[in-house]
Amino acid sequence: MLKITCVGCLSLMLILTSILPVSSQTTVAQRVPASEKVIPPIVLHAFNKQYPNSLLKGWFVTHISYWQGDYSSGWYTDWYGPRSITIYRFEKPTYFEVEFINAANPGEISRAIYNVYGYWYETRSMIKGLPMKVIESLKNSDYGGWKISEFKERIESPGWPVDVYRFKVSKGLKSKIIRIDEQGNLVQARDIGD
């Protein structure tokens, strides 16, 4: 009788551990490739009007938390380290991200996000260099002697009057993410890991 009880308890424990969620599980936010057929026409129209003649790389169904959390195509994963944010999938997609090469800036890969109504939230473009005002502002700041990483981006947004440039700087064991607008104003200096 005791043998049967131990075997039964062990079986029950195995079943429970396989069906119950693990509390320390890390889930990466959702960013699912999508066919152009599932993108609402109003979103396609907004993108084509804003970025005519662009070379399309792909559409994605996404979530605003994914975008705000700055998950991306591996552009900046070394900046932030592991995350433990859970993003849930919804029945109907409400945000759409597009990767493209802008005809106006052929050397830059860009990502833009729109909501289901065609409202444009933001465009982020990978750039090779920074404008002189941004470089001069950095030199005159507390981070003047810090090394600038090779990963840099320009952020365009309807909620910000001018473009903002974001990049990583480091000195010794210290690293920060810097945001400076195109006029040379330091917008943010954040320790990596904050």
N, C-alpha and C. Protein backbone atom coordinates (compact mmCIF):
# COMPACT_ATOMS: atom_id res chain seq x y z
N MET A 1 0.82 -1.19 0.00
CA MET A 1 0.00 0.00 0.00
C MET A 1 0.86 1.25 0.00
N LEU A 2 1.95 1.25 0.78
CA LEU A 2 2.84 2.40 0.86
C LEU A 2 3.52 2.64 -0.48
N LYS A 3 3.89 1.57 -1.20
CA LYS A 3 4.53 1.71 -2.51
C LYS A 3 3.58 2.38 -3.49
N ILE A 4 2.34 2.00 -3.48
CA ILE A 4 1.36 2.58 -4.40
C ILE A 4 1.16 4.06 -4.09
N THR A 5 1.12 4.42 -2.83
CA THR A 5 0.94 5.82 -2.44
C THR A 5 2.13 6.66 -2.89
N CYS A 6 3.35 6.17 -2.71
CA CYS A 6 4.54 6.92 -3.13
C CYS A 6 4.56 7.09 -4.64
N VAL A 7 4.23 6.02 -5.37
CA VAL A 7 4.19 6.11 -6.83
C VAL A 7 3.09 7.07 -7.26
N GLY A 8 1.94 7.02 -6.60
CA GLY A 8 0.84 7.93 -6.91
C GLY A 8 1.21 9.38 -6.65
N CYS A 9 1.87 9.64 -5.52
CA CYS A 9 2.30 11.01 -5.19
C CYS A 9 3.32 11.52 -6.19
N LEU A 10 4.27 10.67 -6.54
CA LEU A 10 5.29 11.06 -7.52
C LEU A 10 4.65 11.36 -8.87
N SER A 11 3.70 10.54 -9.28
CA SER A 11 3.00 10.77 -10.55
C SER A 11 2.23 12.08 -10.51
N LEU A 12 1.55 12.34 -9.40
CA LEU A 12 0.79 13.58 -9.25
C LEU A 12 1.71 14.80 -9.30
N MET A 13 2.87 14.72 -8.65
CA MET A 13 3.83 15.83 -8.67
C MET A 13 4.33 16.09 -10.09
N LEU A 14 4.63 15.04 -10.83
CA LEU A 14 5.10 15.21 -12.21
C LEU A 14 4.03 15.85 -13.08
N ILE A 15 2.79 15.43 -12.90
CA ILE A 15 1.69 16.00 -13.69
C ILE A 15 1.51 17.47 -13.35
N LEU A 16 1.50 17.81 -12.07
CA LEU A 16 1.31 19.20 -11.65
C LEU A 16 2.43 20.10 -12.13
N THR A 17 3.68 19.64 -12.05
CA THR A 17 4.79 20.49 -12.49
C THR A 17 4.79 20.68 -14.00
N SER A 18 4.20 19.76 -14.73
CA SER A 18 4.17 19.92 -16.18
C SER A 18 3.04 20.83 -16.66
N ILE A 19 1.97 20.96 -15.86
CA ILE A 19 0.85 21.79 -16.32
C ILE A 19 0.77 23.16 -15.64
N LEU A 20 1.38 23.33 -14.47
CA LEU A 20 1.34 24.62 -13.79
C LEU A 20 2.44 25.52 -14.33
N PRO A 21 2.17 26.81 -14.49
CA PRO A 21 3.21 27.71 -14.99
C PRO A 21 4.32 27.91 -13.96
N VAL A 22 5.50 28.11 -14.45
CA VAL A 22 6.64 28.36 -13.59
C VAL A 22 6.71 29.86 -13.34
N SER A 23 6.78 30.27 -12.08
CA SER A 23 6.71 31.70 -11.75
C SER A 23 7.94 32.47 -12.19
N SER A 24 9.08 31.82 -12.34
CA SER A 24 10.29 32.55 -12.73
C SER A 24 10.50 32.55 -14.25
N GLN A 25 9.51 32.12 -14.97
CA GLN A 25 9.62 32.04 -16.42
C GLN A 25 9.69 33.44 -17.03
N THR A 26 10.59 33.62 -17.98
CA THR A 26 10.71 34.89 -18.67
C THR A 26 10.09 34.74 -20.05
N THR A 27 9.17 35.63 -20.39
CA THR A 27 8.51 35.60 -21.68
C THR A 27 8.90 36.84 -22.46
N VAL A 28 9.34 36.65 -23.68
CA VAL A 28 9.70 37.78 -24.53
C VAL A 28 8.44 38.34 -25.14
N ALA A 29 8.39 39.64 -25.26
CA ALA A 29 7.21 40.31 -25.81
C ALA A 29 6.94 39.83 -27.23
N GLN A 30 5.71 40.01 -27.67
CA GLN A 30 5.28 39.51 -28.97
C GLN A 30 5.63 40.47 -30.10
N ARG A 31 6.23 39.95 -31.11
CA ARG A 31 6.49 40.67 -32.36
C ARG A 31 6.46 39.59 -33.43
N VAL A 32 5.33 39.47 -34.08
CA VAL A 32 5.09 38.36 -34.98
C VAL A 32 5.10 38.85 -36.43
N PRO A 33 5.89 38.21 -37.31
CA PRO A 33 5.86 38.60 -38.73
C PRO A 33 4.44 38.47 -39.28
N ALA A 34 4.08 39.41 -40.15
CA ALA A 34 2.72 39.43 -40.70
C ALA A 34 2.75 39.68 -42.19
N SER A 35 1.81 39.07 -42.87
CA SER A 35 1.62 39.31 -44.30
C SER A 35 0.99 40.69 -44.47
N GLU A 36 1.28 41.32 -45.58
CA GLU A 36 0.70 42.63 -45.87
C GLU A 36 -0.83 42.55 -45.94
N LYS A 37 -1.35 41.35 -46.20
CA LYS A 37 -2.80 41.15 -46.30
C LYS A 37 -3.53 41.40 -44.97
N VAL A 38 -2.84 41.20 -43.84
CA VAL A 38 -3.50 41.38 -42.54
C VAL A 38 -3.34 42.80 -41.99
N ILE A 39 -2.57 43.62 -42.68
CA ILE A 39 -2.38 45.00 -42.24
C ILE A 39 -3.58 45.82 -42.70
N PRO A 40 -4.23 46.56 -41.81
CA PRO A 40 -5.40 47.36 -42.21
C PRO A 40 -5.04 48.35 -43.32
N PRO A 41 -5.93 48.53 -44.29
CA PRO A 41 -5.65 49.47 -45.40
C PRO A 41 -5.30 50.88 -44.92
N ILE A 42 -5.90 51.34 -43.83
CA ILE A 42 -5.60 52.69 -43.34
C ILE A 42 -4.15 52.78 -42.85
N VAL A 43 -3.61 51.68 -42.31
CA VAL A 43 -2.21 51.65 -41.86
C VAL A 43 -1.28 51.64 -43.07
N LEU A 44 -1.60 50.82 -44.07
CA LEU A 44 -0.80 50.79 -45.30
C LEU A 44 -0.79 52.16 -45.97
N HIS A 45 -1.94 52.81 -46.02
CA HIS A 45 -2.04 54.13 -46.64
C HIS A 45 -1.18 55.16 -45.88
N ALA A 46 -1.27 55.13 -44.55
CA ALA A 46 -0.49 56.07 -43.73
C ALA A 46 1.01 55.87 -43.95
N PHE A 47 1.44 54.61 -43.99
CA PHE A 47 2.87 54.33 -44.21
C PHE A 47 3.31 54.78 -45.61
N ASN A 48 2.53 54.41 -46.63
CA ASN A 48 2.91 54.76 -48.01
C ASN A 48 2.90 56.27 -48.25
N LYS A 49 2.02 56.97 -47.57
CA LYS A 49 1.98 58.43 -47.69
C LYS A 49 3.19 59.06 -47.00
N GLN A 50 3.54 58.53 -45.83
CA GLN A 50 4.65 59.08 -45.06
C GLN A 50 6.01 58.72 -45.65
N TYR A 51 6.13 57.51 -46.18
CA TYR A 51 7.41 57.03 -46.71
C TYR A 51 7.22 56.47 -48.12
N PRO A 52 6.93 57.33 -49.10
CA PRO A 52 6.73 56.83 -50.46
C PRO A 52 8.04 56.27 -51.04
N ASN A 53 7.91 55.31 -51.90
CA ASN A 53 9.04 54.70 -52.61
C ASN A 53 10.06 54.03 -51.69
N SER A 54 9.65 53.62 -50.50
CA SER A 54 10.56 52.93 -49.59
C SER A 54 10.64 51.46 -49.93
N LEU A 55 11.78 50.87 -49.65
CA LEU A 55 11.97 49.44 -49.86
C LEU A 55 11.49 48.72 -48.60
N LEU A 56 10.42 47.98 -48.74
CA LEU A 56 9.79 47.30 -47.61
C LEU A 56 10.56 46.03 -47.26
N LYS A 57 10.90 45.87 -45.99
CA LYS A 57 11.56 44.65 -45.52
C LYS A 57 10.57 43.69 -44.89
N GLY A 58 9.54 44.21 -44.22
CA GLY A 58 8.55 43.33 -43.63
C GLY A 58 7.65 44.03 -42.64
N TRP A 59 6.46 43.45 -42.48
CA TRP A 59 5.47 43.93 -41.51
C TRP A 59 5.43 42.98 -40.33
N PHE A 60 5.05 43.53 -39.17
CA PHE A 60 4.93 42.75 -37.95
C PHE A 60 3.70 43.19 -37.20
N VAL A 61 3.01 42.23 -36.59
CA VAL A 61 1.97 42.54 -35.62
C VAL A 61 2.72 42.63 -34.30
N THR A 62 2.46 43.69 -33.56
CA THR A 62 3.24 43.92 -32.35
C THR A 62 2.35 44.46 -31.24
N HIS A 63 2.95 44.89 -30.19
CA HIS A 63 2.24 45.48 -29.06
C HIS A 63 3.02 46.71 -28.64
N ILE A 64 2.35 47.74 -28.19
CA ILE A 64 3.02 48.99 -27.83
C ILE A 64 4.04 48.78 -26.71
N SER A 65 3.79 47.84 -25.81
CA SER A 65 4.75 47.56 -24.73
C SER A 65 6.05 47.01 -25.29
N TYR A 66 5.93 46.24 -26.36
CA TYR A 66 7.12 45.70 -27.03
C TYR A 66 7.96 46.85 -27.54
N TRP A 67 7.31 47.81 -28.17
CA TRP A 67 8.01 48.96 -28.74
C TRP A 67 8.59 49.84 -27.64
N GLN A 68 7.79 50.14 -26.63
CA GLN A 68 8.27 51.00 -25.54
C GLN A 68 9.37 50.34 -24.73
N GLY A 69 9.32 49.02 -24.64
CA GLY A 69 10.37 48.29 -23.94
C GLY A 69 11.64 48.19 -24.75
N ASP A 70 11.57 48.66 -25.98
CA ASP A 70 12.69 48.73 -26.91
C ASP A 70 13.26 47.38 -27.27
N TYR A 71 12.41 46.40 -27.41
CA TYR A 71 12.84 45.17 -28.04
C TYR A 71 12.99 45.51 -29.51
N SER A 72 13.87 44.87 -30.20
CA SER A 72 14.03 45.17 -31.61
C SER A 72 14.66 43.98 -32.30
N SER A 73 15.07 44.19 -33.53
CA SER A 73 15.65 43.12 -34.34
C SER A 73 17.08 42.82 -33.91
N GLY A 74 17.38 42.90 -32.65
CA GLY A 74 18.73 42.64 -32.18
C GLY A 74 19.63 43.87 -32.24
N TRP A 75 19.07 45.02 -32.52
CA TRP A 75 19.88 46.23 -32.64
C TRP A 75 20.53 46.61 -31.32
N TYR A 76 19.80 46.51 -30.23
CA TYR A 76 20.29 47.05 -28.96
C TYR A 76 20.22 46.05 -27.81
N THR A 77 20.19 44.77 -28.11
CA THR A 77 20.03 43.80 -27.03
C THR A 77 21.20 43.84 -26.06
N ASP A 78 22.38 44.24 -26.53
CA ASP A 78 23.51 44.32 -25.61
C ASP A 78 23.40 45.50 -24.66
N TRP A 79 22.51 46.44 -24.92
CA TRP A 79 22.37 47.62 -24.07
C TRP A 79 21.63 47.32 -22.78
N TYR A 80 20.67 46.42 -22.84
CA TYR A 80 19.75 46.30 -21.72
C TYR A 80 19.88 45.04 -20.89
N GLY A 81 20.38 43.96 -21.45
CA GLY A 81 20.43 42.71 -20.71
C GLY A 81 19.08 42.02 -20.69
N PRO A 82 18.95 40.94 -19.89
CA PRO A 82 17.70 40.16 -19.89
C PRO A 82 16.53 40.94 -19.32
N ARG A 83 15.35 40.62 -19.83
CA ARG A 83 14.12 41.26 -19.37
C ARG A 83 13.19 40.20 -18.80
N SER A 84 12.27 40.61 -17.98
CA SER A 84 11.30 39.67 -17.42
C SER A 84 9.89 40.24 -17.56
N ILE A 85 9.59 40.78 -18.73
CA ILE A 85 8.28 41.37 -18.99
C ILE A 85 7.44 40.37 -19.77
N THR A 86 6.22 40.18 -19.37
CA THR A 86 5.31 39.30 -20.09
C THR A 86 4.33 40.16 -20.87
N ILE A 87 4.24 39.91 -22.16
CA ILE A 87 3.30 40.62 -23.01
C ILE A 87 2.30 39.59 -23.51
N TYR A 88 1.04 39.90 -23.38
CA TYR A 88 0.01 38.95 -23.77
C TYR A 88 -0.46 39.21 -25.19
N ARG A 89 -0.77 38.16 -25.88
CA ARG A 89 -1.30 38.27 -27.23
C ARG A 89 -2.78 38.59 -27.16
N PHE A 90 -3.25 39.45 -28.02
CA PHE A 90 -4.65 39.82 -28.03
C PHE A 90 -5.35 39.17 -29.21
N GLU A 91 -6.66 39.04 -29.11
CA GLU A 91 -7.44 38.42 -30.17
C GLU A 91 -7.29 39.17 -31.49
N LYS A 92 -7.36 40.50 -31.42
CA LYS A 92 -7.22 41.31 -32.63
C LYS A 92 -5.99 42.19 -32.48
N PRO A 93 -5.10 42.17 -33.46
CA PRO A 93 -3.91 43.02 -33.38
C PRO A 93 -4.29 44.50 -33.38
N THR A 94 -3.58 45.29 -32.61
CA THR A 94 -3.87 46.72 -32.55
C THR A 94 -2.67 47.60 -32.92
N TYR A 95 -1.48 47.02 -33.04
CA TYR A 95 -0.29 47.77 -33.42
C TYR A 95 0.46 47.03 -34.51
N PHE A 96 1.02 47.80 -35.42
CA PHE A 96 1.72 47.23 -36.57
C PHE A 96 3.06 47.93 -36.74
N GLU A 97 4.10 47.14 -36.87
CA GLU A 97 5.45 47.67 -37.05
C GLU A 97 5.91 47.31 -38.45
N VAL A 98 6.62 48.21 -39.08
CA VAL A 98 7.15 47.96 -40.41
C VAL A 98 8.64 48.26 -40.41
N GLU A 99 9.42 47.36 -41.01
CA GLU A 99 10.85 47.60 -41.23
C GLU A 99 11.02 47.94 -42.70
N PHE A 100 11.81 48.98 -42.96
CA PHE A 100 11.96 49.44 -44.34
C PHE A 100 13.25 50.23 -44.50
N ILE A 101 13.60 50.44 -45.76
CA ILE A 101 14.70 51.34 -46.10
C ILE A 101 14.07 52.54 -46.78
N ASN A 102 14.23 53.69 -46.16
CA ASN A 102 13.63 54.93 -46.64
C ASN A 102 14.35 55.39 -47.91
N ALA A 103 13.58 55.72 -48.94
CA ALA A 103 14.17 56.20 -50.19
C ALA A 103 14.96 57.49 -49.97
N ALA A 104 14.57 58.30 -48.99
CA ALA A 104 15.27 59.55 -48.72
C ALA A 104 16.63 59.32 -48.04
N ASN A 105 16.78 58.20 -47.35
CA ASN A 105 18.03 57.85 -46.66
C ASN A 105 18.37 56.39 -46.95
N PRO A 106 18.88 56.09 -48.14
CA PRO A 106 19.04 54.69 -48.56
C PRO A 106 19.99 53.84 -47.71
N GLY A 107 20.86 54.42 -46.92
CA GLY A 107 21.78 53.62 -46.12
C GLY A 107 21.24 53.26 -44.75
N GLU A 108 20.02 53.66 -44.45
CA GLU A 108 19.47 53.47 -43.11
C GLU A 108 18.31 52.48 -43.10
N ILE A 109 18.35 51.57 -42.15
CA ILE A 109 17.21 50.67 -41.92
C ILE A 109 16.35 51.33 -40.86
N SER A 110 15.06 51.42 -41.14
CA SER A 110 14.14 52.10 -40.23
C SER A 110 13.03 51.17 -39.78
N ARG A 111 12.43 51.50 -38.63
CA ARG A 111 11.27 50.80 -38.10
C ARG A 111 10.26 51.85 -37.69
N ALA A 112 9.01 51.68 -38.09
CA ALA A 112 7.94 52.60 -37.70
C ALA A 112 6.81 51.79 -37.10
N ILE A 113 6.07 52.41 -36.18
CA ILE A 113 4.93 51.73 -35.57
C ILE A 113 3.69 52.59 -35.73
N TYR A 114 2.58 51.90 -36.08
CA TYR A 114 1.28 52.54 -36.27
C TYR A 114 0.24 51.76 -35.47
N ASN A 115 -0.82 52.45 -35.05
CA ASN A 115 -1.90 51.70 -34.41
C ASN A 115 -2.91 51.28 -35.49
N VAL A 116 -3.93 50.58 -35.08
CA VAL A 116 -4.92 50.01 -36.00
C VAL A 116 -5.66 51.09 -36.80
N TYR A 117 -5.64 52.34 -36.31
CA TYR A 117 -6.33 53.44 -36.99
C TYR A 117 -5.39 54.25 -37.89
N GLY A 118 -4.16 53.80 -38.04
CA GLY A 118 -3.21 54.48 -38.90
C GLY A 118 -2.45 55.61 -38.23
N TYR A 119 -2.59 55.75 -36.91
CA TYR A 119 -1.85 56.79 -36.19
C TYR A 119 -0.39 56.37 -36.07
N TRP A 120 0.50 57.23 -36.50
CA TRP A 120 1.94 56.98 -36.44
C TRP A 120 2.48 57.38 -35.07
N TYR A 121 3.14 56.43 -34.40
CA TYR A 121 3.72 56.72 -33.09
C TYR A 121 5.15 57.20 -33.18
N GLU A 122 5.97 56.50 -33.98
CA GLU A 122 7.39 56.79 -33.95
C GLU A 122 8.09 56.04 -35.07
N THR A 123 9.23 56.59 -35.51
CA THR A 123 10.12 55.90 -36.43
C THR A 123 11.52 55.95 -35.84
N ARG A 124 12.17 54.81 -35.86
CA ARG A 124 13.56 54.71 -35.39
C ARG A 124 14.41 54.24 -36.56
N SER A 125 15.49 54.96 -36.81
CA SER A 125 16.38 54.63 -37.93
C SER A 125 17.79 54.40 -37.43
N MET A 126 18.39 53.30 -37.88
CA MET A 126 19.77 53.00 -37.56
C MET A 126 20.64 53.91 -38.41
N ILE A 127 21.54 54.66 -37.78
CA ILE A 127 22.37 55.60 -38.52
C ILE A 127 23.85 55.29 -38.31
N LYS A 128 24.67 55.78 -39.22
CA LYS A 128 26.11 55.53 -39.14
C LYS A 128 26.85 56.62 -38.36
N GLY A 129 26.36 57.85 -38.42
CA GLY A 129 27.03 58.96 -37.76
C GLY A 129 26.05 59.90 -37.10
N LEU A 130 26.57 60.81 -36.29
CA LEU A 130 25.75 61.78 -35.58
C LEU A 130 25.96 63.17 -36.17
N PRO A 131 24.94 64.03 -36.13
CA PRO A 131 25.10 65.41 -36.60
C PRO A 131 26.12 66.16 -35.73
N MET A 132 26.74 67.18 -36.31
CA MET A 132 27.76 67.95 -35.60
C MET A 132 27.24 68.57 -34.29
N LYS A 133 26.01 69.08 -34.29
CA LYS A 133 25.46 69.68 -33.06
C LYS A 133 25.39 68.65 -31.94
N VAL A 134 25.06 67.42 -32.28
CA VAL A 134 24.98 66.36 -31.28
C VAL A 134 26.37 66.02 -30.77
N ILE A 135 27.34 65.91 -31.67
CA ILE A 135 28.72 65.59 -31.28
C ILE A 135 29.29 66.71 -30.41
N GLU A 136 29.07 67.96 -30.80
CA GLU A 136 29.57 69.09 -30.01
C GLU A 136 28.92 69.13 -28.63
N SER A 137 27.64 68.86 -28.56
CA SER A 137 26.94 68.84 -27.29
C SER A 137 27.50 67.75 -26.38
N LEU A 138 27.77 66.59 -26.94
CA LEU A 138 28.34 65.49 -26.16
C LEU A 138 29.73 65.87 -25.65
N LYS A 139 30.55 66.47 -26.50
CA LYS A 139 31.91 66.87 -26.09
C LYS A 139 31.88 67.88 -24.94
N ASN A 140 30.88 68.75 -24.92
CA ASN A 140 30.77 69.77 -23.88
C ASN A 140 30.01 69.30 -22.64
N SER A 141 29.61 68.04 -22.62
CA SER A 141 28.87 67.50 -21.48
C SER A 141 29.81 66.72 -20.56
N ASP A 142 29.25 66.11 -19.54
CA ASP A 142 30.03 65.27 -18.62
C ASP A 142 30.55 64.01 -19.30
N TYR A 143 30.08 63.73 -20.51
CA TYR A 143 30.44 62.50 -21.22
C TYR A 143 31.36 62.78 -22.40
N GLY A 144 32.03 63.91 -22.38
CA GLY A 144 32.89 64.33 -23.48
C GLY A 144 34.00 63.35 -23.81
N GLY A 145 34.60 62.73 -22.84
CA GLY A 145 35.70 61.80 -23.08
C GLY A 145 35.27 60.35 -23.18
N TRP A 146 33.98 60.10 -23.20
CA TRP A 146 33.48 58.73 -23.23
C TRP A 146 33.45 58.21 -24.66
N LYS A 147 33.59 56.90 -24.80
CA LYS A 147 33.57 56.26 -26.12
C LYS A 147 32.12 56.09 -26.59
N ILE A 148 31.87 56.44 -27.86
CA ILE A 148 30.53 56.30 -28.45
C ILE A 148 30.45 54.94 -29.14
N SER A 149 29.38 54.21 -28.90
CA SER A 149 29.21 52.89 -29.53
C SER A 149 28.93 53.03 -31.02
N GLU A 150 29.07 51.94 -31.72
CA GLU A 150 28.78 51.96 -33.16
C GLU A 150 27.29 51.96 -33.44
N PHE A 151 26.47 51.57 -32.47
CA PHE A 151 25.02 51.54 -32.65
C PHE A 151 24.42 52.90 -32.28
N LYS A 152 23.82 53.53 -33.26
CA LYS A 152 23.20 54.84 -33.06
C LYS A 152 21.87 54.85 -33.78
N GLU A 153 20.92 55.62 -33.26
CA GLU A 153 19.65 55.72 -33.96
C GLU A 153 19.08 57.13 -33.87
N ARG A 154 18.30 57.46 -34.89
CA ARG A 154 17.55 58.71 -34.93
C ARG A 154 16.10 58.35 -34.65
N ILE A 155 15.47 59.08 -33.74
CA ILE A 155 14.08 58.83 -33.38
C ILE A 155 13.24 60.02 -33.82
N GLU A 156 12.25 59.74 -34.66
CA GLU A 156 11.31 60.77 -35.11
C GLU A 156 9.96 60.44 -34.48
N SER A 157 9.27 61.46 -33.97
CA SER A 157 7.99 61.22 -33.32
C SER A 157 7.12 62.46 -33.44
N PRO A 158 5.80 62.27 -33.64
CA PRO A 158 4.93 63.44 -33.69
C PRO A 158 4.83 64.14 -32.33
N GLY A 159 5.19 63.46 -31.26
CA GLY A 159 5.12 64.04 -29.93
C GLY A 159 6.37 64.82 -29.52
N TRP A 160 7.38 64.84 -30.39
CA TRP A 160 8.61 65.56 -30.08
C TRP A 160 8.88 66.51 -31.24
N PRO A 161 9.15 67.78 -30.99
CA PRO A 161 9.26 68.76 -32.08
C PRO A 161 10.44 68.55 -33.03
N VAL A 162 11.52 67.92 -32.54
CA VAL A 162 12.70 67.69 -33.39
C VAL A 162 13.15 66.25 -33.23
N ASP A 163 14.00 65.79 -34.14
CA ASP A 163 14.53 64.43 -34.04
C ASP A 163 15.44 64.31 -32.82
N VAL A 164 15.46 63.11 -32.25
CA VAL A 164 16.31 62.82 -31.10
C VAL A 164 17.26 61.70 -31.52
N TYR A 165 18.51 61.81 -31.08
CA TYR A 165 19.52 60.80 -31.40
C TYR A 165 19.84 60.04 -30.12
N ARG A 166 19.85 58.72 -30.24
CA ARG A 166 20.11 57.86 -29.09
C ARG A 166 21.31 56.98 -29.39
N PHE A 167 22.19 56.86 -28.41
CA PHE A 167 23.39 56.05 -28.58
C PHE A 167 23.94 55.71 -27.20
N LYS A 168 24.85 54.76 -27.18
CA LYS A 168 25.46 54.33 -25.93
C LYS A 168 26.85 54.94 -25.83
N VAL A 169 27.23 55.37 -24.63
CA VAL A 169 28.60 55.82 -24.36
C VAL A 169 29.13 54.99 -23.20
N SER A 170 30.45 54.81 -23.19
CA SER A 170 31.05 54.04 -22.10
C SER A 170 32.43 54.60 -21.75
N LYS A 171 32.78 54.41 -20.50
CA LYS A 171 34.09 54.81 -20.00
C LYS A 171 34.43 53.84 -18.87
N GLY A 172 35.45 53.04 -19.09
CA GLY A 172 35.79 52.01 -18.12
C GLY A 172 34.64 51.02 -17.98
N LEU A 173 34.16 50.83 -16.77
CA LEU A 173 33.06 49.90 -16.52
C LEU A 173 31.70 50.58 -16.54
N LYS A 174 31.67 51.90 -16.74
CA LYS A 174 30.41 52.64 -16.75
C LYS A 174 29.88 52.75 -18.17
N SER A 175 28.57 52.59 -18.30
CA SER A 175 27.90 52.75 -19.60
C SER A 175 26.59 53.50 -19.39
N LYS A 176 26.27 54.34 -20.35
CA LYS A 176 25.02 55.10 -20.30
C LYS A 176 24.40 55.13 -21.69
N ILE A 177 23.10 55.30 -21.69
CA ILE A 177 22.39 55.56 -22.94
C ILE A 177 22.08 57.05 -22.93
N ILE A 178 22.49 57.71 -24.00
CA ILE A 178 22.35 59.16 -24.12
C ILE A 178 21.33 59.47 -25.20
N ARG A 179 20.50 60.46 -24.93
CA ARG A 179 19.59 61.01 -25.93
C ARG A 179 19.86 62.50 -26.02
N ILE A 180 20.17 62.95 -27.24
CA ILE A 180 20.41 64.37 -27.50
C ILE A 180 19.57 64.74 -28.71
N ASP A 181 18.84 65.85 -28.63
CA ASP A 181 18.02 66.25 -29.78
C ASP A 181 18.89 66.91 -30.84
N GLU A 182 18.31 67.11 -32.02
CA GLU A 182 19.09 67.62 -33.15
C GLU A 182 19.60 69.04 -32.94
N GLN A 183 19.07 69.74 -31.94
CA GLN A 183 19.54 71.09 -31.62
C GLN A 183 20.67 71.07 -30.60
N GLY A 184 21.04 69.88 -30.13
CA GLY A 184 22.16 69.75 -29.19
C GLY A 184 21.77 69.75 -27.73
N ASN A 185 20.49 69.65 -27.43
CA ASN A 185 20.03 69.61 -26.03
C ASN A 185 20.08 68.18 -25.51
N LEU A 186 20.72 67.99 -24.35
CA LEU A 186 20.77 66.68 -23.72
C LEU A 186 19.39 66.38 -23.16
N VAL A 187 18.75 65.34 -23.69
CA VAL A 187 17.39 64.97 -23.29
C VAL A 187 17.42 63.97 -22.14
N GLN A 188 18.35 63.00 -22.23
CA GLN A 188 18.40 61.95 -21.21
C GLN A 188 19.78 61.32 -21.18
N ALA A 189 20.24 61.00 -19.98
CA ALA A 189 21.45 60.20 -19.76
C ALA A 189 21.06 59.15 -18.74
N ARG A 190 20.98 57.91 -19.17
CA ARG A 190 20.47 56.85 -18.30
C ARG A 190 21.51 55.75 -18.13
N ASP A 191 21.73 55.34 -16.89
CA ASP A 191 22.61 54.20 -16.64
C ASP A 191 22.00 52.96 -17.27
N ILE A 192 22.82 52.13 -17.83
CA ILE A 192 22.31 50.87 -18.38
C ILE A 192 21.94 49.98 -17.21
N GLY A 193 20.74 49.43 -17.29
CA GLY A 193 20.23 48.61 -16.21
C GLY A 193 19.14 49.30 -15.42
N ASP A 194 18.94 50.61 -15.64
CA ASP A 194 17.87 51.34 -14.95
C ASP A 194 16.54 51.01 -15.56
